[in-house]
Amino acid sequence: MSKVRIIITLNNPTLDEQELDKAREEFSKEMQIRREQVKEIKNTTPQKGGKAGSYLPELLEAEVELSNLKEISRDAHQASNGKSDITITNGQEKRTVKAANRSREEFAEEVEKAGKLIAS
């Protein structure tokens, strides 16, 4: 099976820190159900007064099976109330699909299409 690396951005400005944590936890549980591992991305340039070694709460990274990409996209869309972006990378090549103004299904289809292009 083919794998792709993805970065999920949960861009929902209406969520406070606790709500974002909850959305991230729920999304991580969905990933575990699909037997995919997700990890947080470290903040390499913390703001003044920020903690070194902290994580960027809205960003998650995973290497996933291409066959799971559509379902993962649906989960990300749901977790962020349609405000997520997914960037799919393969070496230097990358494509970002934005959920804004897309239904859950449209977003999932676009992400799947981009994943297939990147993987080929």
N, C-alpha and C. Protein backbone atom coordinates (compact mmCIF):
# COMPACT_ATOMS: atom_id res chain seq x y z
N MET A 1 0.83 -1.18 0.00
CA MET A 1 0.00 0.00 0.00
C MET A 1 0.88 1.24 0.00
N SER A 2 0.36 2.27 -0.61
CA SER A 2 1.07 3.53 -0.73
C SER A 2 0.73 4.45 0.45
N LYS A 3 1.76 5.12 0.97
CA LYS A 3 1.55 6.05 2.08
C LYS A 3 1.88 7.46 1.62
N VAL A 4 1.20 8.42 2.23
CA VAL A 4 1.51 9.83 2.01
C VAL A 4 1.64 10.52 3.36
N ARG A 5 2.43 11.57 3.39
CA ARG A 5 2.60 12.37 4.61
C ARG A 5 1.62 13.53 4.53
N ILE A 6 0.90 13.75 5.61
CA ILE A 6 -0.06 14.85 5.63
C ILE A 6 0.16 15.73 6.86
N ILE A 7 -0.20 16.99 6.69
CA ILE A 7 -0.24 17.93 7.81
C ILE A 7 -1.66 18.46 7.86
N ILE A 8 -2.30 18.29 8.99
CA ILE A 8 -3.68 18.72 9.16
C ILE A 8 -3.66 20.01 9.99
N THR A 9 -4.31 21.04 9.47
CA THR A 9 -4.43 22.31 10.18
C THR A 9 -5.88 22.48 10.58
N LEU A 10 -6.12 22.46 11.87
CA LEU A 10 -7.48 22.65 12.39
C LEU A 10 -7.69 24.15 12.60
N ASN A 11 -8.12 24.83 11.54
CA ASN A 11 -8.25 26.30 11.51
C ASN A 11 -9.60 26.77 11.97
N ASN A 12 -9.96 26.58 13.18
CA ASN A 12 -11.27 27.07 13.60
C ASN A 12 -11.09 28.16 14.65
N PRO A 13 -11.13 29.43 14.22
CA PRO A 13 -10.90 30.52 15.17
C PRO A 13 -11.99 30.66 16.22
N THR A 14 -13.11 29.98 16.03
CA THR A 14 -14.19 30.07 17.02
C THR A 14 -13.93 29.15 18.22
N LEU A 15 -12.95 28.26 18.11
CA LEU A 15 -12.64 27.35 19.21
C LEU A 15 -11.65 27.98 20.17
N ASP A 16 -11.93 27.88 21.46
CA ASP A 16 -10.93 28.32 22.43
C ASP A 16 -9.94 27.17 22.61
N GLU A 17 -8.94 27.37 23.46
CA GLU A 17 -7.87 26.39 23.61
C GLU A 17 -8.40 25.02 24.06
N GLN A 18 -9.34 25.00 25.01
CA GLN A 18 -9.90 23.74 25.50
C GLN A 18 -10.69 23.03 24.40
N GLU A 19 -11.47 23.78 23.64
CA GLU A 19 -12.26 23.18 22.56
C GLU A 19 -11.35 22.64 21.47
N LEU A 20 -10.26 23.35 21.18
CA LEU A 20 -9.30 22.88 20.19
C LEU A 20 -8.64 21.60 20.67
N ASP A 21 -8.28 21.54 21.96
CA ASP A 21 -7.71 20.31 22.53
C ASP A 21 -8.67 19.15 22.38
N LYS A 22 -9.95 19.39 22.66
CA LYS A 22 -10.96 18.34 22.55
C LYS A 22 -11.11 17.88 21.10
N ALA A 23 -11.15 18.82 20.16
CA ALA A 23 -11.26 18.47 18.73
C ALA A 23 -10.04 17.66 18.29
N ARG A 24 -8.86 18.06 18.76
CA ARG A 24 -7.63 17.35 18.41
C ARG A 24 -7.64 15.93 18.98
N GLU A 25 -8.11 15.78 20.22
CA GLU A 25 -8.20 14.45 20.85
C GLU A 25 -9.17 13.55 20.10
N GLU A 26 -10.34 14.09 19.74
CA GLU A 26 -11.33 13.29 19.01
C GLU A 26 -10.78 12.86 17.65
N PHE A 27 -10.10 13.78 16.98
CA PHE A 27 -9.51 13.45 15.69
C PHE A 27 -8.44 12.37 15.86
N SER A 28 -7.62 12.49 16.89
CA SER A 28 -6.57 11.49 17.15
C SER A 28 -7.17 10.11 17.41
N LYS A 29 -8.31 10.06 18.12
CA LYS A 29 -8.99 8.78 18.37
C LYS A 29 -9.47 8.16 17.06
N GLU A 30 -10.02 8.99 16.17
CA GLU A 30 -10.47 8.49 14.86
C GLU A 30 -9.28 7.93 14.07
N MET A 31 -8.15 8.59 14.18
CA MET A 31 -6.94 8.10 13.48
C MET A 31 -6.52 6.75 14.04
N GLN A 32 -6.61 6.57 15.36
CA GLN A 32 -6.24 5.30 15.97
C GLN A 32 -7.16 4.19 15.50
N ILE A 33 -8.45 4.49 15.35
CA ILE A 33 -9.40 3.50 14.84
C ILE A 33 -8.96 3.02 13.46
N ARG A 34 -8.42 3.92 12.66
CA ARG A 34 -7.96 3.59 11.31
C ARG A 34 -6.52 3.05 11.31
N ARG A 35 -5.99 2.87 12.51
CA ARG A 35 -4.63 2.36 12.70
C ARG A 35 -3.58 3.27 12.06
N GLU A 36 -3.82 4.54 12.18
CA GLU A 36 -2.89 5.55 11.69
C GLU A 36 -2.38 6.34 12.90
N GLN A 37 -1.12 6.67 12.87
CA GLN A 37 -0.50 7.42 13.96
C GLN A 37 -0.45 8.90 13.60
N VAL A 38 -0.83 9.73 14.53
CA VAL A 38 -0.78 11.18 14.34
C VAL A 38 0.10 11.76 15.43
N LYS A 39 0.87 12.78 15.09
CA LYS A 39 1.70 13.41 16.12
C LYS A 39 1.58 14.92 16.02
N GLU A 40 1.82 15.55 17.15
CA GLU A 40 1.78 17.01 17.21
C GLU A 40 3.08 17.56 16.63
N ILE A 41 3.02 18.79 16.15
CA ILE A 41 4.19 19.44 15.57
C ILE A 41 4.75 20.43 16.58
N LYS A 42 6.07 20.30 16.85
CA LYS A 42 6.72 21.18 17.83
C LYS A 42 6.84 22.60 17.29
N ASN A 43 6.71 23.54 18.20
CA ASN A 43 6.87 24.95 17.88
C ASN A 43 8.36 25.27 17.95
N THR A 44 9.00 25.43 16.81
CA THR A 44 10.44 25.68 16.79
C THR A 44 10.79 27.15 16.99
N THR A 45 9.80 28.03 16.88
CA THR A 45 10.03 29.46 17.08
C THR A 45 8.94 30.03 17.99
N PRO A 46 9.01 29.73 19.28
CA PRO A 46 7.96 30.21 20.19
C PRO A 46 7.93 31.74 20.26
N GLN A 47 6.74 32.28 20.45
CA GLN A 47 6.55 33.72 20.63
C GLN A 47 7.23 34.15 21.93
N LYS A 48 7.50 35.42 22.03
CA LYS A 48 8.10 35.96 23.26
C LYS A 48 7.22 35.57 24.44
N GLY A 49 7.82 34.94 25.42
CA GLY A 49 7.08 34.50 26.59
C GLY A 49 6.52 33.09 26.44
N GLY A 50 6.59 32.52 25.22
CA GLY A 50 6.10 31.16 25.00
C GLY A 50 7.11 30.13 25.47
N LYS A 51 6.65 28.92 25.66
CA LYS A 51 7.51 27.85 26.14
C LYS A 51 8.29 27.21 24.99
N ALA A 52 9.59 27.03 25.18
CA ALA A 52 10.39 26.29 24.22
C ALA A 52 9.97 24.82 24.29
N GLY A 53 9.90 24.16 23.16
CA GLY A 53 9.51 22.76 23.13
C GLY A 53 8.02 22.53 23.18
N SER A 54 7.25 23.61 23.12
CA SER A 54 5.79 23.45 23.12
C SER A 54 5.32 23.00 21.74
N TYR A 55 4.06 22.67 21.64
CA TYR A 55 3.49 22.19 20.38
C TYR A 55 2.55 23.24 19.81
N LEU A 56 2.37 23.18 18.50
CA LEU A 56 1.41 24.05 17.82
C LEU A 56 0.06 23.36 17.89
N PRO A 57 -0.87 23.87 18.67
CA PRO A 57 -2.11 23.15 18.95
C PRO A 57 -2.99 22.88 17.74
N GLU A 58 -2.90 23.70 16.71
CA GLU A 58 -3.78 23.51 15.55
C GLU A 58 -3.17 22.62 14.47
N LEU A 59 -1.92 22.17 14.65
CA LEU A 59 -1.26 21.36 13.62
C LEU A 59 -1.01 19.93 14.07
N LEU A 60 -1.31 19.00 13.19
CA LEU A 60 -1.04 17.58 13.42
C LEU A 60 -0.38 17.01 12.16
N GLU A 61 0.47 16.02 12.35
CA GLU A 61 1.18 15.41 11.23
C GLU A 61 1.00 13.90 11.28
N ALA A 62 0.91 13.28 10.11
CA ALA A 62 0.76 11.83 10.06
C ALA A 62 1.27 11.31 8.73
N GLU A 63 1.68 10.06 8.72
CA GLU A 63 1.96 9.35 7.48
C GLU A 63 0.87 8.29 7.39
N VAL A 64 0.06 8.38 6.34
CA VAL A 64 -1.15 7.56 6.28
C VAL A 64 -1.24 6.77 4.98
N GLU A 65 -1.98 5.69 5.05
CA GLU A 65 -2.26 4.91 3.85
C GLU A 65 -3.13 5.74 2.93
N LEU A 66 -2.81 5.73 1.66
CA LEU A 66 -3.59 6.47 0.68
C LEU A 66 -5.05 6.05 0.71
N SER A 67 -5.30 4.78 0.98
CA SER A 67 -6.67 4.26 1.02
C SER A 67 -7.49 4.85 2.17
N ASN A 68 -6.83 5.39 3.20
CA ASN A 68 -7.53 6.00 4.35
C ASN A 68 -7.70 7.51 4.22
N LEU A 69 -7.10 8.10 3.21
CA LEU A 69 -7.04 9.56 3.11
C LEU A 69 -8.42 10.22 3.04
N LYS A 70 -9.34 9.63 2.31
CA LYS A 70 -10.67 10.23 2.17
C LYS A 70 -11.40 10.26 3.51
N GLU A 71 -11.36 9.16 4.24
CA GLU A 71 -12.02 9.11 5.56
C GLU A 71 -11.35 10.05 6.56
N ILE A 72 -10.04 10.11 6.52
CA ILE A 72 -9.30 11.01 7.41
C ILE A 72 -9.70 12.46 7.12
N SER A 73 -9.87 12.78 5.85
CA SER A 73 -10.29 14.13 5.45
C SER A 73 -11.66 14.46 6.01
N ARG A 74 -12.56 13.51 5.95
CA ARG A 74 -13.90 13.72 6.51
C ARG A 74 -13.82 13.98 8.01
N ASP A 75 -12.98 13.19 8.69
CA ASP A 75 -12.82 13.36 10.14
C ASP A 75 -12.25 14.74 10.48
N ALA A 76 -11.25 15.18 9.71
CA ALA A 76 -10.64 16.50 9.95
C ALA A 76 -11.66 17.60 9.71
N HIS A 77 -12.46 17.46 8.67
CA HIS A 77 -13.49 18.45 8.36
C HIS A 77 -14.49 18.55 9.51
N GLN A 78 -14.90 17.40 10.02
CA GLN A 78 -15.86 17.37 11.13
C GLN A 78 -15.25 17.95 12.40
N ALA A 79 -14.01 17.58 12.70
CA ALA A 79 -13.36 18.04 13.94
C ALA A 79 -13.22 19.56 13.99
N SER A 80 -13.11 20.18 12.83
CA SER A 80 -12.89 21.64 12.80
C SER A 80 -14.10 22.41 12.29
N ASN A 81 -15.24 21.75 12.19
CA ASN A 81 -16.45 22.39 11.65
C ASN A 81 -16.20 23.00 10.28
N GLY A 82 -15.51 22.25 9.42
CA GLY A 82 -15.28 22.70 8.06
C GLY A 82 -14.22 23.77 7.91
N LYS A 83 -13.33 23.88 8.88
CA LYS A 83 -12.31 24.92 8.83
C LYS A 83 -10.89 24.34 8.76
N SER A 84 -10.76 23.09 8.35
CA SER A 84 -9.44 22.47 8.32
C SER A 84 -8.81 22.58 6.93
N ASP A 85 -7.49 22.48 6.90
CA ASP A 85 -6.74 22.36 5.66
C ASP A 85 -5.93 21.08 5.80
N ILE A 86 -5.67 20.43 4.67
CA ILE A 86 -4.77 19.28 4.69
C ILE A 86 -3.72 19.51 3.62
N THR A 87 -2.46 19.41 4.03
CA THR A 87 -1.34 19.50 3.10
C THR A 87 -0.77 18.10 2.95
N ILE A 88 -0.65 17.66 1.70
CA ILE A 88 -0.14 16.34 1.39
C ILE A 88 1.24 16.54 0.77
N THR A 89 2.24 15.81 1.28
CA THR A 89 3.59 16.00 0.78
C THR A 89 4.21 14.68 0.35
N ASN A 90 5.13 14.81 -0.60
CA ASN A 90 5.93 13.68 -1.06
C ASN A 90 7.26 14.28 -1.50
N GLY A 91 8.26 14.23 -0.64
CA GLY A 91 9.53 14.88 -0.94
C GLY A 91 9.32 16.39 -0.99
N GLN A 92 9.74 17.01 -2.08
CA GLN A 92 9.60 18.46 -2.24
C GLN A 92 8.22 18.88 -2.74
N GLU A 93 7.47 17.93 -3.29
CA GLU A 93 6.15 18.26 -3.84
C GLU A 93 5.11 18.29 -2.72
N LYS A 94 4.24 19.30 -2.78
CA LYS A 94 3.16 19.36 -1.79
C LYS A 94 1.95 20.05 -2.38
N ARG A 95 0.79 19.67 -1.88
CA ARG A 95 -0.48 20.27 -2.28
C ARG A 95 -1.31 20.48 -1.02
N THR A 96 -1.94 21.64 -0.96
CA THR A 96 -2.81 21.95 0.18
C THR A 96 -4.24 22.07 -0.31
N VAL A 97 -5.14 21.42 0.39
CA VAL A 97 -6.57 21.50 0.10
C VAL A 97 -7.22 22.19 1.29
N LYS A 98 -7.96 23.25 1.01
CA LYS A 98 -8.64 24.02 2.05
C LYS A 98 -10.11 23.62 2.11
N ALA A 99 -10.62 23.49 3.32
CA ALA A 99 -12.01 23.06 3.51
C ALA A 99 -13.01 24.20 3.35
N ALA A 100 -12.55 25.44 3.46
CA ALA A 100 -13.46 26.59 3.43
C ALA A 100 -14.37 26.53 2.21
N ASN A 101 -15.65 26.75 2.44
CA ASN A 101 -16.68 26.77 1.39
C ASN A 101 -16.86 25.43 0.68
N ARG A 102 -16.46 24.35 1.32
CA ARG A 102 -16.65 23.02 0.75
C ARG A 102 -17.44 22.17 1.73
N SER A 103 -18.28 21.32 1.18
CA SER A 103 -18.96 20.35 2.04
C SER A 103 -17.93 19.33 2.50
N ARG A 104 -18.31 18.56 3.47
CA ARG A 104 -17.43 17.50 3.98
C ARG A 104 -17.03 16.55 2.86
N GLU A 105 -18.00 16.18 2.02
CA GLU A 105 -17.74 15.23 0.93
C GLU A 105 -16.86 15.86 -0.16
N GLU A 106 -17.13 17.12 -0.52
CA GLU A 106 -16.30 17.80 -1.53
C GLU A 106 -14.85 17.90 -1.06
N PHE A 107 -14.68 18.24 0.21
CA PHE A 107 -13.34 18.35 0.77
C PHE A 107 -12.63 17.00 0.72
N ALA A 108 -13.31 15.94 1.14
CA ALA A 108 -12.72 14.60 1.14
C ALA A 108 -12.32 14.17 -0.27
N GLU A 109 -13.17 14.46 -1.24
CA GLU A 109 -12.86 14.08 -2.63
C GLU A 109 -11.66 14.85 -3.17
N GLU A 110 -11.57 16.14 -2.85
CA GLU A 110 -10.42 16.95 -3.30
C GLU A 110 -9.12 16.47 -2.65
N VAL A 111 -9.18 16.14 -1.37
CA VAL A 111 -7.99 15.65 -0.68
C VAL A 111 -7.56 14.31 -1.27
N GLU A 112 -8.51 13.43 -1.53
CA GLU A 112 -8.19 12.13 -2.12
C GLU A 112 -7.54 12.32 -3.49
N LYS A 113 -8.09 13.21 -4.29
CA LYS A 113 -7.54 13.48 -5.62
C LYS A 113 -6.11 14.01 -5.52
N ALA A 114 -5.89 14.96 -4.62
CA ALA A 114 -4.55 15.52 -4.43
C ALA A 114 -3.58 14.45 -3.94
N GLY A 115 -4.03 13.58 -3.05
CA GLY A 115 -3.19 12.49 -2.54
C GLY A 115 -2.76 11.55 -3.64
N LYS A 116 -3.67 11.22 -4.53
CA LYS A 116 -3.33 10.32 -5.65
C LYS A 116 -2.32 10.98 -6.59
N LEU A 117 -2.47 12.29 -6.83
CA LEU A 117 -1.51 13.00 -7.67
C LEU A 117 -0.13 13.02 -7.04
N ILE A 118 -0.07 13.28 -5.76
CA ILE A 118 1.21 13.33 -5.05
C ILE A 118 1.86 11.95 -5.00
N ALA A 119 1.08 10.92 -4.77
CA ALA A 119 1.61 9.56 -4.62
C ALA A 119 2.11 8.97 -5.95
N SER A 120 1.62 9.48 -7.07
CA SER A 120 2.00 8.88 -8.37
C SER A 120 3.33 9.39 -8.87
